[in-house]
Amino acid sequence: MIPKQSLTRLSLPYISHEDTISQTLSLSLTNYLGAKTRQDIDNCDGVFWDGNYLGLERVKIFQHSSIAEKAEILRLCNREILREVYLIEMAGVGYMAKLVSMAESAEERMLYGLFSGEEVIHLAKIGAFLPANPRLTSNNLICHWLEYIPQIEDKAVLLFVLQVVLEGWSLSHYRNLASNCHYPQLSRILYEILADESRHHQVGLKLFHRMELNSGSEAKIIDILELFLQAMQTRPQIFVSAIEKIKGQLSPSSKLRVYEELELESHNSTQLKFLRSLMRNPNSGRIIQQLEARGAFQAFSPEQYLK
């Protein structure tokens, strides 16, 4: 179960466009990004990644759908992918701001202040491709994991979990999204974000490398990463949810067939190996051992998605 204290507060309320704060933010973003901070997404079909990239072309129920149904399924999947990116970046704003308050030098405080500002710019750029005020969705546990990470005051835990592991994964994820995106404007934005995120990740690696972990910090990291690894394996459920919204509720046997056709066990096995490699650090040997002992790097079988 995901803990219920909020660190990054992804569910903060949005305020009216007429509010002074909202107006000032809009003006400030215009100064950074130019007069047009939102892309004219009405001129695109909302499908930035196709069925081949998402693995849906292997799914028979998708193959046998009409052209209109396929388009709508793809739009729903694309929107959830972008929503996830948006919420990861929103979590980054809160995380970097927290690190500002935990800084141990004036330079470190300034650096994390700059990083937080970069995350705000990422939000504005990605948010332009989404409906106004994106929010958490019930079927994406990564977003809920970000929302319900315990209130942590342990800098080592924050650095390793969010800046080393999560940002390390996001580098690979964003690179794949950028290189497979069919909309040049969005692809360019993702590559721009990658440049910033790479610096954030490298700083986290260097800072964590010189820290000494106590047993309490290790225990927190293990618990949080076990939840993270579980949540990562549930991400493809957004595709099944999109199919059900268009085709109607699937029977357990039909869902099982979709999970098999998506080849999730093989995909997750590869992803878990990559995440394990991100966790390798002179300070993290026992963390990996404990996660292995808990079976956290074992890929889910298709049947496990039905539980």
Protein backbone atom coordinates (compact mmCIF):
# COMPACT_ATOMS: atom_id res chain seq x y z
CA MET A 1 0.00 0.00 0.00
CA ILE A 2 1.27 3.47 -0.87
CA PRO A 3 1.83 5.72 2.17
CA LYS A 4 -0.59 8.64 2.44
CA GLN A 5 1.55 11.59 3.46
CA SER A 6 2.25 14.02 0.65
CA LEU A 7 5.70 15.30 -0.25
CA THR A 8 5.26 16.82 -3.68
CA ARG A 9 1.52 17.65 -3.42
CA LEU A 10 0.62 16.93 -7.02
CA SER A 11 -3.03 17.50 -6.16
CA LEU A 12 -2.65 21.16 -5.21
CA PRO A 13 -5.68 23.09 -6.46
CA TYR A 14 -5.53 25.20 -9.59
CA ILE A 15 -6.82 28.76 -9.37
CA SER A 16 -8.76 31.02 -11.70
CA HIS A 17 -6.96 32.59 -14.66
CA GLU A 18 -8.19 35.93 -13.32
CA ASP A 19 -6.33 35.45 -10.03
CA THR A 20 -3.28 37.69 -9.48
CA ILE A 21 -0.94 34.71 -8.97
CA SER A 22 -2.14 33.01 -12.15
CA GLN A 23 -1.81 36.19 -14.18
CA THR A 24 1.67 36.93 -12.84
CA LEU A 25 2.77 33.35 -13.55
CA SER A 26 1.48 33.60 -17.11
CA LEU A 27 3.36 36.85 -17.65
CA SER A 28 6.56 35.43 -16.16
CA LEU A 29 6.36 32.32 -18.35
CA THR A 30 5.83 34.53 -21.38
CA ASN A 31 9.06 36.36 -20.53
CA TYR A 32 10.89 33.01 -20.48
CA LEU A 33 9.18 31.17 -23.31
CA GLY A 34 7.95 33.89 -25.63
CA ALA A 35 4.52 35.26 -26.36
CA LYS A 36 2.97 31.86 -27.06
CA THR A 37 3.57 29.48 -24.16
CA ARG A 38 0.85 27.00 -25.21
CA GLN A 39 1.10 25.10 -28.47
CA ASP A 40 -1.89 25.13 -30.78
CA ILE A 41 -2.72 21.47 -30.24
CA ASP A 42 -5.99 21.89 -32.10
CA ASN A 43 -3.91 21.60 -35.26
CA CYS A 44 -2.70 18.09 -34.39
CA ASP A 45 -4.65 14.89 -33.80
CA GLY A 46 -3.34 14.26 -30.28
CA VAL A 47 -1.49 11.11 -31.39
CA PHE A 48 2.22 11.69 -30.88
CA TRP A 49 3.19 8.00 -30.51
CA ASP A 50 1.65 5.34 -32.72
CA GLY A 51 0.42 1.83 -32.07
CA ASN A 52 3.72 0.27 -33.10
CA TYR A 53 5.66 2.21 -30.46
CA LEU A 54 3.06 1.49 -27.78
CA GLY A 55 2.90 -2.21 -28.66
CA LEU A 56 -0.80 -2.00 -29.46
CA GLU A 57 -0.35 -3.29 -33.01
CA ARG A 58 0.35 -6.71 -31.45
CA VAL A 59 -3.02 -6.66 -29.65
CA LYS A 60 -5.77 -8.40 -31.62
CA ILE A 61 -8.65 -6.41 -30.16
CA PHE A 62 -6.85 -3.25 -31.30
CA GLN A 63 -6.07 -4.74 -34.72
CA HIS A 64 -9.74 -5.60 -35.25
CA SER A 65 -10.99 -2.17 -34.17
CA SER A 66 -12.27 0.41 -36.64
CA ILE A 67 -10.06 3.29 -37.76
CA ALA A 68 -12.04 5.68 -35.55
CA GLU A 69 -11.77 3.36 -32.51
CA LYS A 70 -8.03 2.94 -33.01
CA ALA A 71 -7.57 6.69 -33.20
CA GLU A 72 -9.50 7.26 -29.99
CA ILE A 73 -7.63 4.50 -28.13
CA LEU A 74 -4.34 6.02 -29.24
CA ARG A 75 -5.44 9.50 -28.19
CA LEU A 76 -6.32 8.23 -24.70
CA CYS A 77 -2.99 6.40 -24.35
CA ASN A 78 -1.04 9.41 -25.59
CA ARG A 79 -2.82 11.69 -23.16
CA GLU A 80 -1.94 9.42 -20.23
CA ILE A 81 1.71 9.26 -21.30
CA LEU A 82 1.89 13.06 -21.42
CA ARG A 83 0.01 13.36 -18.13
CA GLU A 84 2.58 11.08 -16.50
CA VAL A 85 5.46 13.21 -17.83
CA TYR A 86 3.72 16.35 -16.61
CA LEU A 87 3.22 14.97 -13.11
CA ILE A 88 6.81 13.71 -12.91
CA GLU A 89 7.97 17.22 -13.70
CA MET A 90 5.54 18.70 -11.18
CA ALA A 91 7.01 16.35 -8.57
CA GLY A 92 10.43 17.66 -9.64
CA VAL A 93 9.39 21.22 -8.82
CA GLY A 94 8.39 20.22 -5.28
CA TYR A 95 11.44 18.02 -4.81
CA MET A 96 13.94 20.64 -5.96
CA ALA A 97 12.26 23.27 -3.77
CA LYS A 98 12.61 20.93 -0.79
CA LEU A 99 16.31 20.51 -1.55
CA VAL A 100 16.68 24.31 -1.53
CA SER A 101 15.62 24.29 2.13
CA MET A 102 17.99 21.39 2.89
CA ALA A 103 21.03 22.92 1.16
CA GLU A 104 24.35 22.85 3.04
CA SER A 105 25.93 25.78 1.21
CA ALA A 106 24.88 28.97 -0.55
CA GLU A 107 25.96 27.48 -3.87
CA GLU A 108 23.91 24.34 -3.36
CA ARG A 109 20.86 26.41 -2.47
CA MET A 110 21.30 28.48 -5.64
CA LEU A 111 21.80 25.36 -7.76
CA TYR A 112 18.62 23.68 -6.56
CA GLY A 113 16.75 26.95 -6.96
CA LEU A 114 17.80 26.95 -10.62
CA PHE A 115 16.83 23.28 -10.98
CA SER A 116 13.38 24.02 -9.55
CA GLY A 117 12.94 26.82 -12.07
CA GLU A 118 13.90 24.48 -14.90
CA GLU A 119 11.25 22.02 -13.76
CA VAL A 120 8.66 24.83 -13.91
CA ILE A 121 9.65 25.53 -17.52
CA HIS A 122 9.29 21.82 -18.30
CA LEU A 123 5.79 21.90 -16.81
CA ALA A 124 4.76 24.84 -18.95
CA LYS A 125 6.07 23.25 -22.14
CA ILE A 126 4.51 19.82 -21.56
CA GLY A 127 1.31 21.29 -20.16
CA ALA A 128 0.72 23.04 -23.48
CA PHE A 129 -0.10 19.66 -25.02
CA LEU A 130 -2.59 18.68 -22.33
CA PRO A 131 -6.04 19.88 -21.34
CA ALA A 132 -5.93 22.61 -18.69
CA ASN A 133 -5.10 21.55 -15.12
CA PRO A 134 -3.88 17.93 -15.56
CA ARG A 135 -4.56 15.79 -12.49
CA LEU A 136 -3.74 12.40 -11.04
CA THR A 137 -5.45 9.42 -12.63
CA SER A 138 -6.57 6.41 -10.62
CA ASN A 139 -4.91 3.85 -12.91
CA ASN A 140 -1.36 5.21 -12.85
CA LEU A 141 0.40 4.11 -9.68
CA ILE A 142 3.61 5.96 -10.58
CA CYS A 143 1.72 9.24 -10.18
CA HIS A 144 0.22 8.08 -6.89
CA TRP A 145 3.66 6.93 -5.73
CA LEU A 146 4.96 10.43 -6.38
CA GLU A 147 2.01 11.97 -4.55
CA TYR A 148 2.18 9.73 -1.50
CA ILE A 149 5.88 9.41 -0.79
CA PRO A 150 6.16 9.92 2.99
CA GLN A 151 7.22 13.27 4.34
CA ILE A 152 10.95 12.65 4.32
CA GLU A 153 13.53 14.89 5.90
CA ASP A 154 16.39 12.51 5.08
CA LYS A 155 18.39 14.08 2.26
CA ALA A 156 20.13 10.83 1.32
CA VAL A 157 16.80 9.09 0.82
CA LEU A 158 15.47 11.90 -1.35
CA LEU A 159 18.62 12.07 -3.45
CA PHE A 160 18.76 8.36 -4.18
CA VAL A 161 15.08 7.66 -4.74
CA LEU A 162 14.16 10.73 -6.78
CA GLN A 163 17.29 12.24 -8.25
CA VAL A 164 19.29 9.08 -8.92
CA VAL A 165 16.67 6.40 -9.65
CA LEU A 166 13.58 8.28 -10.86
CA GLU A 167 15.46 10.89 -12.88
CA GLY A 168 17.81 8.20 -14.21
CA TRP A 169 14.82 6.24 -15.47
CA SER A 170 13.17 9.36 -16.88
CA LEU A 171 16.26 10.08 -19.00
CA SER A 172 15.82 6.78 -20.82
CA HIS A 173 12.03 7.16 -20.96
CA TYR A 174 12.10 10.72 -22.33
CA ARG A 175 14.78 9.80 -24.89
CA ASN A 176 12.58 7.00 -26.20
CA LEU A 177 9.57 9.29 -26.27
CA ALA A 178 11.49 12.01 -28.09
CA SER A 179 13.01 9.73 -30.72
CA ASN A 180 9.68 8.00 -31.47
CA CYS A 181 7.48 11.11 -31.39
CA HIS A 182 5.76 12.00 -34.67
CA TYR A 183 5.20 15.65 -33.74
CA PRO A 184 8.46 17.63 -34.23
CA GLN A 185 7.56 20.40 -31.78
CA LEU A 186 6.96 17.98 -28.91
CA SER A 187 9.98 15.88 -29.84
CA ARG A 188 12.20 18.98 -29.67
CA ILE A 189 10.78 19.94 -26.27
CA LEU A 190 11.48 16.46 -24.89
CA TYR A 191 15.08 16.65 -26.09
CA GLU A 192 15.42 20.07 -24.42
CA ILE A 193 14.08 18.63 -21.16
CA LEU A 194 16.55 15.75 -21.45
CA ALA A 195 19.49 18.16 -21.37
CA ASP A 196 18.30 19.64 -18.07
CA GLU A 197 17.36 16.29 -16.52
CA SER A 198 20.78 14.87 -17.36
CA ARG A 199 22.46 17.58 -15.28
CA HIS A 200 20.00 17.03 -12.42
CA HIS A 201 20.74 13.29 -12.45
CA GLN A 202 24.52 13.74 -12.55
CA VAL A 203 24.45 16.12 -9.58
CA GLY A 204 22.37 13.62 -7.62
CA LEU A 205 24.82 10.82 -8.39
CA LYS A 206 27.81 12.85 -7.22
CA LEU A 207 26.13 14.08 -4.02
CA PHE A 208 24.84 10.64 -3.08
CA HIS A 209 28.19 9.00 -3.82
CA ARG A 210 29.89 10.98 -1.05
CA MET A 211 27.21 10.31 1.58
CA GLU A 212 27.30 7.65 4.27
CA LEU A 213 24.01 5.81 4.71
CA ASN A 214 22.75 4.72 8.11
CA SER A 215 20.47 1.74 8.59
CA GLY A 216 17.39 3.94 8.93
CA SER A 217 18.02 5.63 5.59
CA GLU A 218 18.60 2.29 3.91
CA ALA A 219 15.36 0.87 5.27
CA LYS A 220 13.37 3.85 3.98
CA ILE A 221 14.97 3.63 0.55
CA ILE A 222 14.24 -0.10 0.30
CA ASP A 223 10.57 0.32 1.24
CA ILE A 224 10.04 3.22 -1.16
CA LEU A 225 11.84 1.56 -4.07
CA GLU A 226 9.93 -1.67 -3.60
CA LEU A 227 6.72 0.33 -4.13
CA PHE A 228 8.29 2.12 -7.09
CA LEU A 229 9.28 -1.12 -8.81
CA GLN A 230 5.78 -2.49 -8.34
CA ALA A 231 4.23 0.70 -9.69
CA MET A 232 6.51 0.66 -12.74
CA GLN A 233 5.15 -2.74 -13.72
CA THR A 234 1.55 -1.52 -13.57
CA ARG A 235 2.08 1.34 -16.05
CA PRO A 236 0.82 -0.64 -19.10
CA GLN A 237 -2.60 -0.88 -17.44
CA ILE A 238 -3.31 2.57 -18.91
CA PHE A 239 -3.43 0.88 -22.33
CA VAL A 240 -5.97 -1.69 -21.18
CA SER A 241 -8.01 1.07 -19.56
CA ALA A 242 -8.00 3.02 -22.85
CA ILE A 243 -9.16 -0.04 -24.77
CA GLU A 244 -11.99 -0.63 -22.28
CA LYS A 245 -13.17 2.98 -22.51
CA ILE A 246 -13.67 2.54 -26.25
CA LYS A 247 -14.51 -1.17 -26.61
CA GLY A 248 -16.30 -1.78 -23.33
CA GLN A 249 -15.27 -3.78 -20.28
CA LEU A 250 -13.08 -6.77 -21.03
CA SER A 251 -13.51 -10.18 -19.45
CA PRO A 252 -10.62 -11.53 -17.34
CA SER A 253 -9.62 -13.90 -20.16
CA SER A 254 -9.66 -11.03 -22.69
CA LYS A 255 -7.54 -8.86 -20.40
CA LEU A 256 -5.10 -11.71 -19.92
CA ARG A 257 -4.80 -12.07 -23.70
CA VAL A 258 -4.07 -8.34 -24.04
CA TYR A 259 -1.34 -8.50 -21.38
CA GLU A 260 0.19 -11.49 -23.15
CA GLU A 261 0.04 -9.80 -26.55
CA LEU A 262 1.69 -6.69 -25.11
CA GLU A 263 4.57 -9.00 -24.06
CA LEU A 264 4.67 -7.31 -20.69
CA GLU A 265 6.68 -9.95 -18.86
CA SER A 266 9.58 -9.58 -21.30
CA HIS A 267 9.28 -5.79 -21.38
CA ASN A 268 9.16 -5.49 -17.60
CA SER A 269 12.08 -7.86 -17.15
CA THR A 270 14.23 -5.62 -19.36
CA GLN A 271 13.05 -2.48 -17.56
CA LEU A 272 13.70 -3.95 -14.11
CA LYS A 273 17.25 -4.87 -15.12
CA PHE A 274 17.78 -1.29 -16.25
CA LEU A 275 16.39 0.08 -12.97
CA ARG A 276 18.65 -2.27 -11.04
CA SER A 277 21.63 -0.90 -12.98
CA LEU A 278 20.61 2.65 -12.01
CA MET A 279 20.73 1.66 -8.35
CA ARG A 280 24.33 0.45 -8.52
CA ASN A 281 26.42 2.78 -6.40
CA PRO A 282 29.20 2.29 -3.86
CA ASN A 283 26.64 3.17 -1.16
CA SER A 284 23.76 1.01 -2.38
CA GLY A 285 24.97 -2.60 -2.39
CA ARG A 286 22.79 -3.65 0.55
CA ILE A 287 19.78 -1.84 -0.93
CA ILE A 288 19.94 -3.95 -4.09
CA GLN A 289 20.47 -7.13 -2.07
CA GLN A 290 17.39 -6.47 0.05
CA LEU A 291 15.23 -5.63 -2.96
CA GLU A 292 16.36 -8.85 -4.64
CA ALA A 293 15.52 -10.80 -1.48
CA ARG A 294 12.01 -9.34 -1.61
CA GLY A 295 11.61 -10.36 -5.26
CA ALA A 296 11.25 -6.71 -6.31
CA PHE A 297 13.18 -7.28 -9.54
CA GLN A 298 10.97 -10.20 -10.60
CA ALA A 299 8.76 -9.29 -13.56
CA PHE A 300 5.01 -9.74 -13.16
CA SER A 301 3.40 -12.56 -15.12
CA PRO A 302 0.28 -11.66 -17.16
CA GLU A 303 -1.83 -13.46 -14.55
CA GLN A 304 -0.63 -11.14 -11.79
CA TYR A 305 -2.32 -8.18 -13.48
CA LEU A 306 -5.70 -9.80 -12.90
CA LYS A 307 -5.31 -9.96 -9.11
